[in-house]
Protein backbone atom coordinates (compact mmCIF):
# COMPACT_ATOMS: atom_id res chain seq x y z
CA MET A 1 -78.32 123.93 172.72
CA ALA A 2 -75.39 126.33 172.30
CA GLY A 3 -74.39 126.85 168.69
CA ALA A 4 -77.54 125.25 167.30
CA HIS A 5 -78.42 128.37 165.31
CA THR A 6 -74.96 129.35 164.08
CA ALA A 7 -74.38 129.76 160.36
CA GLY A 8 -72.52 127.10 158.42
CA GLY A 9 -72.48 123.37 158.57
CA ARG A 10 -71.14 120.72 160.86
CA LEU A 11 -70.28 117.04 160.67
CA THR A 12 -71.00 114.59 163.47
CA THR A 13 -71.06 110.82 163.90
CA HIS A 14 -71.80 108.14 166.43
CA VAL A 15 -71.27 104.38 166.51
CA LEU A 16 -73.61 101.73 167.88
CA ASP A 17 -72.45 98.15 168.40
CA THR A 18 -75.43 96.11 167.20
CA ALA A 19 -73.84 92.87 168.45
CA THR A 20 -73.99 94.08 172.07
CA GLY A 21 -76.80 96.64 171.74
CA LYS A 22 -74.55 99.31 173.26
CA PRO A 23 -72.65 102.40 172.11
CA ALA A 24 -69.20 101.57 170.72
CA ALA A 25 -67.01 103.35 173.27
CA GLY A 26 -63.34 103.95 172.47
CA LEU A 27 -63.62 103.28 168.74
CA ALA A 28 -61.07 105.21 166.65
CA ILE A 29 -62.27 107.15 163.60
CA ALA A 30 -60.13 108.87 160.94
CA LEU A 31 -61.57 111.70 158.83
CA TYR A 32 -60.19 112.37 155.34
CA ARG A 33 -60.98 115.00 152.73
CA VAL A 34 -61.15 113.32 149.32
CA SER A 35 -60.32 115.05 146.02
CA GLY A 36 -59.90 112.81 143.00
CA ASN A 37 -57.32 110.19 144.00
CA SER A 38 -56.04 112.35 146.86
CA HIS A 39 -56.90 111.62 150.50
CA ARG A 40 -55.85 114.23 153.06
CA LYS A 41 -56.18 113.15 156.67
CA LEU A 42 -57.83 115.88 158.75
CA LYS A 43 -57.99 114.20 162.15
CA THR A 44 -58.35 111.04 164.16
CA VAL A 45 -60.77 110.91 167.07
CA ARG A 46 -62.10 108.31 169.50
CA THR A 47 -65.70 107.79 170.56
CA ASN A 48 -66.71 108.50 174.15
CA ASP A 49 -68.75 106.23 176.45
CA ASP A 50 -71.91 107.16 174.52
CA GLY A 51 -70.34 106.13 171.17
CA ARG A 52 -70.16 109.78 170.10
CA CYS A 53 -67.34 112.24 169.58
CA ASP A 54 -66.97 114.96 172.20
CA GLU A 55 -67.05 117.66 169.50
CA PRO A 56 -68.24 117.85 165.88
CA LEU A 57 -65.70 116.45 163.42
CA LEU A 58 -66.03 119.61 161.33
CA GLN A 59 -67.66 122.93 162.10
CA GLY A 60 -67.17 126.64 161.61
CA LYS A 61 -64.28 127.58 159.33
CA ASP A 62 -63.16 123.91 159.14
CA PHE A 63 -66.45 122.86 157.50
CA GLN A 64 -66.13 122.89 153.70
CA LEU A 65 -68.35 121.41 151.03
CA GLY A 66 -66.91 118.43 149.20
CA GLN A 67 -66.24 114.73 149.46
CA TYR A 68 -65.04 113.08 152.65
CA GLU A 69 -64.30 109.65 154.02
CA LEU A 70 -64.63 108.35 157.55
CA ILE A 71 -62.68 105.22 158.40
CA PHE A 72 -64.00 103.43 161.46
CA PHE A 73 -61.43 101.13 163.08
CA ALA A 74 -64.00 98.51 164.05
CA GLY A 75 -61.54 95.59 164.17
CA ASP A 76 -59.45 97.29 166.85
CA TYR A 77 -62.63 98.00 168.82
CA PHE A 78 -63.89 94.39 168.60
CA ARG A 79 -60.47 93.04 169.63
CA ALA A 80 -60.33 95.50 172.55
CA ILE A 81 -63.68 94.31 173.93
CA GLY A 82 -62.45 90.72 173.76
CA LEU A 83 -64.46 89.19 170.92
CA ASP A 84 -63.01 85.95 169.58
CA LEU A 85 -62.92 86.63 165.84
CA PRO A 86 -61.27 84.90 162.87
CA ASP A 87 -58.02 86.15 161.38
CA PRO A 88 -58.44 87.91 159.06
CA MET A 89 -61.64 89.43 160.38
CA PHE A 90 -64.60 89.81 158.04
CA LEU A 91 -64.85 93.55 158.85
CA ASP A 92 -61.82 95.43 160.11
CA ASN A 93 -61.53 99.03 158.92
CA VAL A 94 -64.89 100.28 157.65
CA PRO A 95 -64.73 103.21 155.18
CA ILE A 96 -67.73 105.42 154.46
CA ARG A 97 -67.33 107.96 151.66
CA PHE A 98 -69.92 110.72 151.40
CA GLY A 99 -70.41 114.19 149.99
CA MET A 100 -71.50 117.38 151.70
CA ALA A 101 -73.20 119.72 149.23
CA GLU A 102 -74.91 122.16 151.61
CA GLU A 103 -73.92 124.22 154.64
CA LYS A 104 -76.07 122.09 156.97
CA HIS A 105 -75.68 119.49 159.69
CA TYR A 106 -74.42 116.18 158.31
CA HIS A 107 -74.70 113.30 160.78
CA VAL A 108 -73.12 110.02 159.60
CA PRO A 109 -73.82 107.28 162.15
CA LEU A 110 -72.49 103.74 161.94
CA LEU A 111 -74.31 100.62 163.12
CA ILE A 112 -71.65 97.91 163.37
CA SER A 113 -71.23 94.23 164.20
CA PRO A 114 -68.36 91.89 163.31
CA TYR A 115 -70.26 90.72 160.22
CA GLY A 116 -72.24 93.70 158.96
CA TYR A 117 -72.74 97.44 159.10
CA SER A 118 -75.07 100.17 157.90
CA THR A 119 -75.12 103.94 157.79
CA TYR A 120 -77.50 106.70 156.81
CA ARG A 121 -77.70 110.48 156.83
CA GLY A 122 -79.01 111.19 160.27
CA SER A 123 -80.02 114.38 162.00
């Protein structure tokens, strides 16, 4: 794979819809850098048909050690696919805050349903 042996770290994610057993296509994700009480939005992306982003969220000179937060706009995704859900929804925007302490690959996947989610440090 091109770039697999380049120096520095990278951040990737993907989203699986555990209610349907399929990738969560078209789900919006916002990436923030967190420092104390400060949140600085770095970008907003949308997942592709495979539930992944077309490019790493951070890589090269943009990758910096520190604390970050991904906000997954799951409620918008569930409404877009036509699920009949209560108002307010149990899960709407799902934040995951994590730290990157090494110049390595950080993969932060999300397994999501309208009533639960989980994440882990993937590879």
